[in-house]
């Protein structure tokens, strides 16, 4: 599920940023993209919450500023997947 989860995260982030998914990788982070500002961050997290049917605590949102950070959070907190 991990690779599928990364693919889904990249799909969501690329859609919000309006870029080709090929421009993103597990190492991509907020500072790599000018358009990934604080408002965009909230939109990304909202779409992640909708896709994975969970709620992310407001105190955590700021820390989820990379594909890897989002993936690690979901891996540790998303109950709908199997490892």
C-alpha atoms as a PDB file:
ATOM      1  CA  UNK A   1       0.000   0.000   0.000  1.00  0.00           C
ATOM      2  CA  UNK A   2       2.914   2.347   0.626  1.00  0.00           C
ATOM      3  CA  UNK A   3       3.781   2.827  -3.063  1.00  0.00           C
ATOM      4  CA  UNK A   4       0.102   3.293  -3.874  1.00  0.00           C
ATOM      5  CA  UNK A   5      -0.162   5.804  -1.040  1.00  0.00           C
ATOM      6  CA  UNK A   6       2.835   7.788  -2.346  1.00  0.00           C
ATOM      7  CA  UNK A   7       1.323   7.771  -5.832  1.00  0.00           C
ATOM      8  CA  UNK A   8      -1.982   9.088  -4.465  1.00  0.00           C
ATOM      9  CA  UNK A   9      -0.246  11.816  -2.437  1.00  0.00           C
ATOM     10  CA  UNK A  10       1.718  12.895  -5.514  1.00  0.00           C
ATOM     11  CA  UNK A  11      -1.482  12.901  -7.565  1.00  0.00           C
ATOM     12  CA  UNK A  12      -3.226  15.140  -5.020  1.00  0.00           C
ATOM     13  CA  UNK A  13      -0.289  17.539  -4.614  1.00  0.00           C
ATOM     14  CA  UNK A  14       0.299  17.805  -8.370  1.00  0.00           C
ATOM     15  CA  UNK A  15      -3.391  18.536  -8.968  1.00  0.00           C
ATOM     16  CA  UNK A  16      -3.437  21.286  -6.338  1.00  0.00           C
ATOM     17  CA  UNK A  17      -0.143  22.768  -7.555  1.00  0.00           C
ATOM     18  CA  UNK A  18      -1.284  22.404 -11.192  1.00  0.00           C
ATOM     19  CA  UNK A  19       1.912  20.652 -12.233  1.00  0.00           C
ATOM     20  CA  UNK A  20       2.779  17.362 -13.885  1.00  0.00           C
ATOM     21  CA  UNK A  21       3.041  14.523 -11.344  1.00  0.00           C
ATOM     22  CA  UNK A  22       6.436  13.695 -12.882  1.00  0.00           C
ATOM     23  CA  UNK A  23       7.737  16.915 -11.320  1.00  0.00           C
ATOM     24  CA  UNK A  24       7.186  15.450  -7.840  1.00  0.00           C
ATOM     25  CA  UNK A  25       8.925  12.690  -5.921  1.00  0.00           C
ATOM     26  CA  UNK A  26       8.992  11.393  -2.367  1.00  0.00           C
ATOM     27  CA  UNK A  27      11.699  14.021  -1.718  1.00  0.00           C
ATOM     28  CA  UNK A  28       9.626  16.996  -2.951  1.00  0.00           C
ATOM     29  CA  UNK A  29       8.853  19.613  -0.338  1.00  0.00           C
ATOM     30  CA  UNK A  30       7.021  22.888   0.063  1.00  0.00           C
ATOM     31  CA  UNK A  31      10.131  25.027  -0.445  1.00  0.00           C
ATOM     32  CA  UNK A  32      10.680  23.463  -3.889  1.00  0.00           C
ATOM     33  CA  UNK A  33       7.556  25.091  -5.316  1.00  0.00           C
ATOM     34  CA  UNK A  34       6.726  28.784  -5.160  1.00  0.00           C
ATOM     35  CA  UNK A  35       3.015  28.071  -5.499  1.00  0.00           C
ATOM     36  CA  UNK A  36       3.046  25.734  -2.444  1.00  0.00           C
ATOM     37  CA  UNK A  37       2.281  28.488   0.067  1.00  0.00           C
ATOM     38  CA  UNK A  38       0.336  28.315   3.335  1.00  0.00           C
ATOM     39  CA  UNK A  39      -3.077  28.498   1.659  1.00  0.00           C
ATOM     40  CA  UNK A  40      -2.083  25.801  -0.818  1.00  0.00           C
ATOM     41  CA  UNK A  41      -0.850  23.728   2.119  1.00  0.00           C
ATOM     42  CA  UNK A  42      -4.334  23.852   3.654  1.00  0.00           C
ATOM     43  CA  UNK A  43      -5.917  22.834   0.350  1.00  0.00           C
ATOM     44  CA  UNK A  44      -3.509  19.896   0.002  1.00  0.00           C
ATOM     45  CA  UNK A  45      -4.211  18.736   3.549  1.00  0.00           C
ATOM     46  CA  UNK A  46      -7.969  19.103   3.032  1.00  0.00           C
ATOM     47  CA  UNK A  47      -7.778  16.899  -0.066  1.00  0.00           C
ATOM     48  CA  UNK A  48      -5.598  14.369   1.788  1.00  0.00           C
ATOM     49  CA  UNK A  49      -8.164  14.293   4.608  1.00  0.00           C
ATOM     50  CA  UNK A  50     -10.991  13.739   2.123  1.00  0.00           C
ATOM     51  CA  UNK A  51      -9.132  11.050   0.180  1.00  0.00           C
ATOM     52  CA  UNK A  52      -8.064   9.078   3.240  1.00  0.00           C
ATOM     53  CA  UNK A  53     -11.178   9.847   5.309  1.00  0.00           C
ATOM     54  CA  UNK A  54      -9.345  11.239   8.318  1.00  0.00           C
ATOM     55  CA  UNK A  55      -8.840  14.492  10.165  1.00  0.00           C
ATOM     56  CA  UNK A  56      -5.387  15.917  10.743  1.00  0.00           C
ATOM     57  CA  UNK A  57      -4.834  17.981  13.877  1.00  0.00           C
ATOM     58  CA  UNK A  58      -4.203  21.667  13.171  1.00  0.00           C
ATOM     59  CA  UNK A  59      -0.925  21.515  15.094  1.00  0.00           C
ATOM     60  CA  UNK A  60       0.378  18.824  12.721  1.00  0.00           C
ATOM     61  CA  UNK A  61      -0.580  20.485   9.419  1.00  0.00           C
ATOM     62  CA  UNK A  62       2.417  22.838   9.331  1.00  0.00           C
ATOM     63  CA  UNK A  63       4.784  19.872   9.724  1.00  0.00           C
ATOM     64  CA  UNK A  64       3.326  18.088   6.691  1.00  0.00           C
ATOM     65  CA  UNK A  65       5.326  20.207   4.262  1.00  0.00           C
ATOM     66  CA  UNK A  66       6.737  17.472   2.037  1.00  0.00           C
ATOM     67  CA  UNK A  67       5.577  14.352   0.229  1.00  0.00           C
ATOM     68  CA  UNK A  68       7.667  12.271   2.632  1.00  0.00           C
ATOM     69  CA  UNK A  69       6.216  13.962   5.737  1.00  0.00           C
ATOM     70  CA  UNK A  70       2.660  13.451   4.475  1.00  0.00           C
ATOM     71  CA  UNK A  71       3.431   9.829   3.620  1.00  0.00           C
ATOM     72  CA  UNK A  72       5.010   9.128   7.005  1.00  0.00           C
ATOM     73  CA  UNK A  73       2.060  10.702   8.803  1.00  0.00           C
ATOM     74  CA  UNK A  74      -0.446   8.654   6.813  1.00  0.00           C
ATOM     75  CA  UNK A  75       1.588   5.480   7.219  1.00  0.00           C
ATOM     76  CA  UNK A  76       1.504   5.954  10.994  1.00  0.00           C
ATOM     77  CA  UNK A  77      -2.074   7.241  11.329  1.00  0.00           C
ATOM     78  CA  UNK A  78      -4.238   5.968   8.469  1.00  0.00           C
ATOM     79  CA  UNK A  79      -6.259   2.994   9.665  1.00  0.00           C
ATOM     80  CA  UNK A  80      -7.703   2.095   6.260  1.00  0.00           C
ATOM     81  CA  UNK A  81      -4.534   0.542   4.870  1.00  0.00           C
ATOM     82  CA  UNK A  82      -2.618  -2.654   5.395  1.00  0.00           C
ATOM     83  CA  UNK A  83       1.141  -2.973   5.567  1.00  0.00           C
END
